[in-house]
Amino acid sequence: MLLTLLIVLITSQLSTKVHGDGNQFVQSTTNLEQINSTYSGSLQNTSTRFLRYGGSSNNYLYDAIEIIPFTSGNYTITSSSNLDTYGYLYNNSFSLSDLSMGLLGQNDDGAGSYQFQIIANLQANVRYILIVTTYSVNEVGNYSITASGPGRVSLAKSMITTTTTTSTSTTTTLGVLNSTYSGSLQNTSTRFLRYGGSSNNYLYDAIEIIPLTSGNYTITSSSNLDTYGYLYNNSFSLSDLSMGLLGQNDDGAG
């Protein structure tokens, strides 16, 4: 199902986070020559540890991020962090028992400032796994990953699955996945009379959301602005702001 999220704000920086049962792609509807998709995460003392390929101990923390391009082409995958990051890109899957299997590329400081940068030709609708880890053991902190290329990319932490088996049933619990989009409203942004508003001077951005898994999602804004959000099904029309409106909210996140 194609959803279009319309976020109506005033000015300045904002970010929108989508929580849900599966992967989703979040992207500005602006037609750009190079499209950037971003994922944010963190390595904590509770993160999974492993002996990274070429490493020296079992105490490297890592995250596994699933990448699915929607367009074939060359992509540049770059980290941004206070950590000394190290990245590995795998085709389709990642196995702790054989770290060389499916390895397409690895990098340490290709982006400068101790950040990795991996350039690879990726095929549309093919699953890739990016392992985000560090050069040294036991490093903790936040990071962000940007995939820049000719098309949209789904970036989401690999599914966390916990399975409990009893004599009568098997229960599987799935982790909640977060996807984040950041943008800004400027005086040059498009203006309109928002649904329920009082003038034609509300600035807005329209953000396309494509979930890859059906389920319940929570869409939340984070900003210094007093944000207002509208969610539409499939399309958004300035001539009829009620058409396809699925929901709206002002201060639901506090």
Protein backbone atom coordinates (compact mmCIF):
# COMPACT_ATOMS: atom_id res chain seq x y z
CA MET A 1 0.00 0.00 0.00
CA LEU A 2 1.29 3.46 -0.92
CA LEU A 3 0.86 6.09 1.77
CA THR A 4 1.66 9.78 1.50
CA LEU A 5 2.39 11.58 4.75
CA LEU A 6 1.87 15.34 4.74
CA ILE A 7 3.58 17.17 7.59
CA VAL A 8 2.52 20.77 8.13
CA LEU A 9 4.89 22.95 10.16
CA ILE A 10 6.10 26.53 10.48
CA THR A 11 9.89 26.72 9.81
CA SER A 12 13.30 25.28 10.87
CA GLN A 13 14.56 21.71 11.34
CA LEU A 14 12.35 18.69 11.92
CA SER A 15 12.61 14.93 11.89
CA THR A 16 9.93 12.28 11.46
CA LYS A 17 10.22 8.78 12.91
CA VAL A 18 8.18 5.77 11.90
CA HIS A 19 7.89 2.81 14.31
CA GLY A 20 6.30 -0.41 13.17
CA ASP A 21 6.29 -4.15 12.63
CA GLY A 22 8.51 -4.16 9.55
CA ASN A 23 10.74 -2.27 7.17
CA GLN A 24 9.52 0.84 5.47
CA PHE A 25 11.01 3.43 3.17
CA VAL A 26 10.80 7.14 4.01
CA GLN A 27 11.77 9.68 1.37
CA SER A 28 11.09 13.25 0.35
CA THR A 29 8.98 13.52 -2.80
CA THR A 30 11.49 15.98 -4.29
CA ASN A 31 12.99 14.63 -7.53
CA LEU A 32 16.77 14.62 -6.91
CA GLU A 33 19.58 13.34 -9.13
CA GLN A 34 21.17 11.58 -6.14
CA ILE A 35 18.74 10.39 -3.48
CA ASN A 36 19.90 10.01 0.12
CA SER A 37 18.36 7.49 2.51
CA THR A 38 19.42 7.60 6.16
CA TYR A 39 19.34 5.18 9.09
CA SER A 40 20.24 6.09 12.69
CA GLY A 41 21.25 3.63 15.39
CA SER A 42 23.55 3.06 18.33
CA LEU A 43 25.98 0.48 19.65
CA GLN A 44 25.49 -0.22 23.35
CA ASN A 45 27.05 -2.59 25.89
CA THR A 46 23.95 -4.75 25.38
CA SER A 47 24.53 -5.00 21.60
CA THR A 48 25.55 -8.33 20.09
CA ARG A 49 29.29 -9.03 20.12
CA PHE A 50 31.35 -10.95 17.57
CA LEU A 51 34.86 -11.47 16.20
CA ARG A 52 34.75 -9.18 13.19
CA TYR A 53 36.39 -10.21 9.95
CA GLY A 54 40.08 -9.32 10.38
CA GLY A 55 39.60 -8.51 14.07
CA SER A 56 41.43 -9.72 17.15
CA SER A 57 38.79 -10.70 19.76
CA ASN A 58 35.12 -11.53 20.32
CA ASN A 59 34.28 -8.13 21.82
CA TYR A 60 33.37 -6.05 18.77
CA LEU A 61 29.81 -4.69 19.08
CA TYR A 62 27.78 -4.62 15.87
CA ASP A 63 24.43 -3.85 14.25
CA ALA A 64 23.12 -5.64 11.15
CA ILE A 65 21.17 -3.34 8.80
CA GLU A 66 19.09 -4.65 5.92
CA ILE A 67 19.41 -2.68 2.68
CA ILE A 68 16.94 -3.10 -0.21
CA PRO A 69 17.42 -0.75 -3.19
CA PHE A 70 14.42 0.08 -5.36
CA THR A 71 16.62 1.06 -8.33
CA SER A 72 19.74 -0.69 -9.63
CA GLY A 73 22.94 1.34 -9.76
CA ASN A 74 26.03 2.49 -7.89
CA TYR A 75 25.47 3.47 -4.25
CA THR A 76 27.77 5.10 -1.73
CA ILE A 77 27.17 3.94 1.85
CA THR A 78 28.77 6.19 4.46
CA SER A 79 28.84 6.27 8.26
CA SER A 80 28.74 9.37 10.47
CA SER A 81 29.64 9.01 14.13
CA ASN A 82 31.97 9.91 16.98
CA LEU A 83 32.99 6.24 16.89
CA ASP A 84 35.81 4.85 14.76
CA THR A 85 33.43 2.85 12.60
CA TYR A 86 34.09 -0.17 10.40
CA GLY A 87 31.63 -1.42 7.78
CA TYR A 88 31.05 -4.70 5.96
CA LEU A 89 28.56 -5.18 3.11
CA TYR A 90 27.14 -8.65 2.44
CA ASN A 91 24.97 -10.03 -0.33
CA ASN A 92 21.61 -11.37 0.87
CA SER A 93 22.65 -12.73 4.29
CA PHE A 94 25.23 -12.60 7.07
CA SER A 95 26.59 -15.67 8.87
CA LEU A 96 28.61 -15.51 12.08
CA SER A 97 29.98 -18.96 11.27
CA ASP A 98 31.54 -17.80 7.97
CA LEU A 99 32.27 -14.06 7.88
CA SER A 100 33.73 -14.22 4.35
CA MET A 101 30.62 -15.77 2.78
CA GLY A 102 28.80 -13.23 0.60
CA LEU A 103 31.16 -10.38 1.56
CA LEU A 104 30.96 -7.70 -1.15
CA GLY A 105 33.15 -5.07 0.46
CA GLN A 106 34.56 -3.65 3.67
CA ASN A 107 36.00 -0.32 4.70
CA ASP A 108 37.49 1.46 7.68
CA ASP A 109 38.28 5.15 7.05
CA GLY A 110 37.25 5.72 3.42
CA ALA A 111 35.06 8.73 4.29
CA GLY A 112 37.71 10.36 6.48
CA SER A 113 37.41 11.25 10.18
CA TYR A 114 37.46 7.52 11.07
CA GLN A 115 34.25 6.86 9.08
CA PHE A 116 33.74 4.06 6.58
CA GLN A 117 32.55 4.48 3.00
CA ILE A 118 31.58 1.54 0.79
CA ILE A 119 30.81 2.03 -2.92
CA ALA A 120 28.96 -0.86 -4.54
CA ASN A 121 26.75 -1.67 -7.50
CA LEU A 122 23.45 -2.81 -6.00
CA GLN A 123 20.55 -4.51 -7.78
CA ALA A 124 16.93 -3.46 -7.35
CA ASN A 125 14.83 -5.51 -4.91
CA VAL A 126 17.85 -7.54 -3.77
CA ARG A 127 18.57 -7.87 -0.04
CA TYR A 128 21.94 -6.74 1.28
CA ILE A 129 23.21 -6.71 4.86
CA LEU A 130 25.42 -3.92 6.19
CA ILE A 131 27.35 -4.74 9.36
CA VAL A 132 28.15 -1.61 11.36
CA THR A 133 30.90 -2.19 13.90
CA THR A 134 34.05 -0.43 15.14
CA TYR A 135 37.78 -0.57 14.59
CA SER A 136 38.45 -1.25 18.29
CA VAL A 137 36.62 -3.49 20.76
CA ASN A 138 33.97 -2.34 23.25
CA GLU A 139 33.23 1.00 21.54
CA VAL A 140 29.74 2.37 22.32
CA GLY A 141 27.87 5.35 20.87
CA ASN A 142 25.44 6.63 18.24
CA TYR A 143 25.90 6.51 14.48
CA SER A 144 24.02 7.25 11.27
CA ILE A 145 24.26 5.58 7.87
CA THR A 146 23.55 7.33 4.56
CA ALA A 147 23.04 5.46 1.29
CA SER A 148 23.33 7.80 -1.70
CA GLY A 149 22.47 6.67 -5.21
CA PRO A 150 20.08 6.77 -8.16
CA GLY A 151 17.01 5.57 -6.28
CA ARG A 152 15.26 4.97 -3.01
CA VAL A 153 16.65 2.51 -0.51
CA SER A 154 15.00 0.73 2.40
CA LEU A 155 17.28 0.85 5.45
CA ALA A 156 16.17 -0.99 8.58
CA LYS A 157 17.73 -2.95 11.40
CA SER A 158 17.51 -6.68 10.72
CA MET A 159 14.53 -8.34 12.35
CA ILE A 160 15.12 -9.30 15.98
CA THR A 161 13.36 -12.60 16.59
CA THR A 162 12.94 -14.36 19.92
CA THR A 163 11.33 -17.81 19.73
CA THR A 164 9.92 -19.70 22.71
CA THR A 165 8.78 -23.31 22.19
CA THR A 166 6.37 -25.16 24.48
CA SER A 167 4.75 -28.58 24.19
CA THR A 168 1.69 -27.05 22.53
CA SER A 169 2.80 -23.92 20.69
CA THR A 170 5.61 -21.75 19.37
CA THR A 171 5.53 -18.00 20.02
CA THR A 172 7.62 -15.54 18.02
CA THR A 173 8.11 -11.95 19.16
CA LEU A 174 9.34 -9.40 16.64
CA GLY A 175 11.29 -6.28 17.53
CA VAL A 176 9.96 -2.85 16.61
CA LEU A 177 11.93 -1.25 13.76
CA ASN A 178 12.52 2.49 13.46
CA SER A 179 13.02 4.49 10.26
CA THR A 180 13.87 8.20 10.36
CA TYR A 181 13.57 11.07 7.88
CA SER A 182 15.00 14.56 8.53
CA GLY A 183 14.02 17.74 6.73
CA SER A 184 13.37 21.44 7.18
CA LEU A 185 10.76 24.07 6.41
CA GLN A 186 12.10 27.32 5.00
CA ASN A 187 10.56 30.58 3.83
CA THR A 188 10.97 29.20 0.29
CA SER A 189 8.88 26.10 1.10
CA THR A 190 5.45 25.66 -0.50
CA ARG A 191 2.58 27.37 1.34
CA PHE A 192 -1.05 26.31 1.62
CA LEU A 193 -4.22 26.61 3.67
CA ARG A 194 -3.97 23.50 5.84
CA TYR A 195 -7.06 21.45 6.67
CA GLY A 196 -8.67 23.28 9.62
CA GLY A 197 -6.28 26.24 9.28
CA SER A 198 -6.96 29.97 9.05
CA SER A 199 -4.73 31.31 6.21
CA ASN A 200 -2.74 30.37 3.12
CA ASN A 201 0.64 30.80 4.85
CA TYR A 202 1.28 27.36 6.37
CA LEU A 203 4.58 25.90 5.11
CA TYR A 204 4.64 22.15 4.42
CA ASP A 205 6.60 19.14 3.20
CA ALA A 206 5.03 16.05 1.59
CA ILE A 207 6.83 12.79 2.47
CA GLU A 208 6.14 9.49 0.72
CA ILE A 209 5.97 6.41 2.97
CA ILE A 210 6.05 2.87 1.55
CA PRO A 211 5.82 0.09 4.17
CA LEU A 212 7.35 -3.22 3.15
CA THR A 213 5.46 -5.11 5.88
CA SER A 214 1.80 -4.76 6.87
CA GLY A 215 1.07 -3.86 10.49
CA ASN A 216 0.52 -1.05 12.97
CA TYR A 217 2.88 1.92 12.69
CA THR A 218 3.43 4.95 14.93
CA ILE A 219 4.59 8.10 13.10
CA THR A 220 6.10 10.76 15.37
CA SER A 221 7.69 14.17 14.78
CA SER A 222 10.63 15.66 16.70
CA SER A 223 11.31 19.40 16.34
CA ASN A 224 11.54 22.78 18.03
CA LEU A 225 8.46 23.66 15.97
CA ASP A 226 4.84 23.22 16.97
CA THR A 227 4.26 20.50 14.36
CA TYR A 228 1.00 19.28 12.82
CA GLY A 229 0.75 16.10 10.75
CA TYR A 230 -1.73 14.71 8.22
CA LEU A 231 -1.63 11.17 6.79
CA TYR A 232 -3.16 10.51 3.37
CA ASN A 233 -3.81 7.32 1.43
CA ASN A 234 -2.07 7.15 -1.96
CA SER A 235 -2.18 10.86 -2.92
CA PHE A 236 -2.63 14.42 -1.66
CA SER A 237 -4.68 17.08 -3.42
CA LEU A 238 -4.54 20.80 -2.58
CA SER A 239 -7.99 21.19 -4.15
CA ASP A 240 -9.62 18.74 -1.70
CA LEU A 241 -7.72 18.37 1.58
CA SER A 242 -10.23 15.89 3.00
CA MET A 243 -9.86 13.39 0.14
CA GLY A 244 -7.95 10.31 1.28
CA LEU A 245 -7.26 11.72 4.75
CA LEU A 246 -6.54 8.81 7.12
CA GLY A 247 -5.66 10.80 10.21
CA GLN A 248 -4.31 14.04 11.63
CA ASN A 249 -2.69 15.09 14.88
CA ASP A 250 -1.28 18.12 16.63
CA ASP A 251 0.27 17.35 20.04
CA GLY A 252 -0.23 13.60 20.44
CA ALA A 253 3.44 12.93 21.20
CA GLY A 254 3.61 15.67 23.81
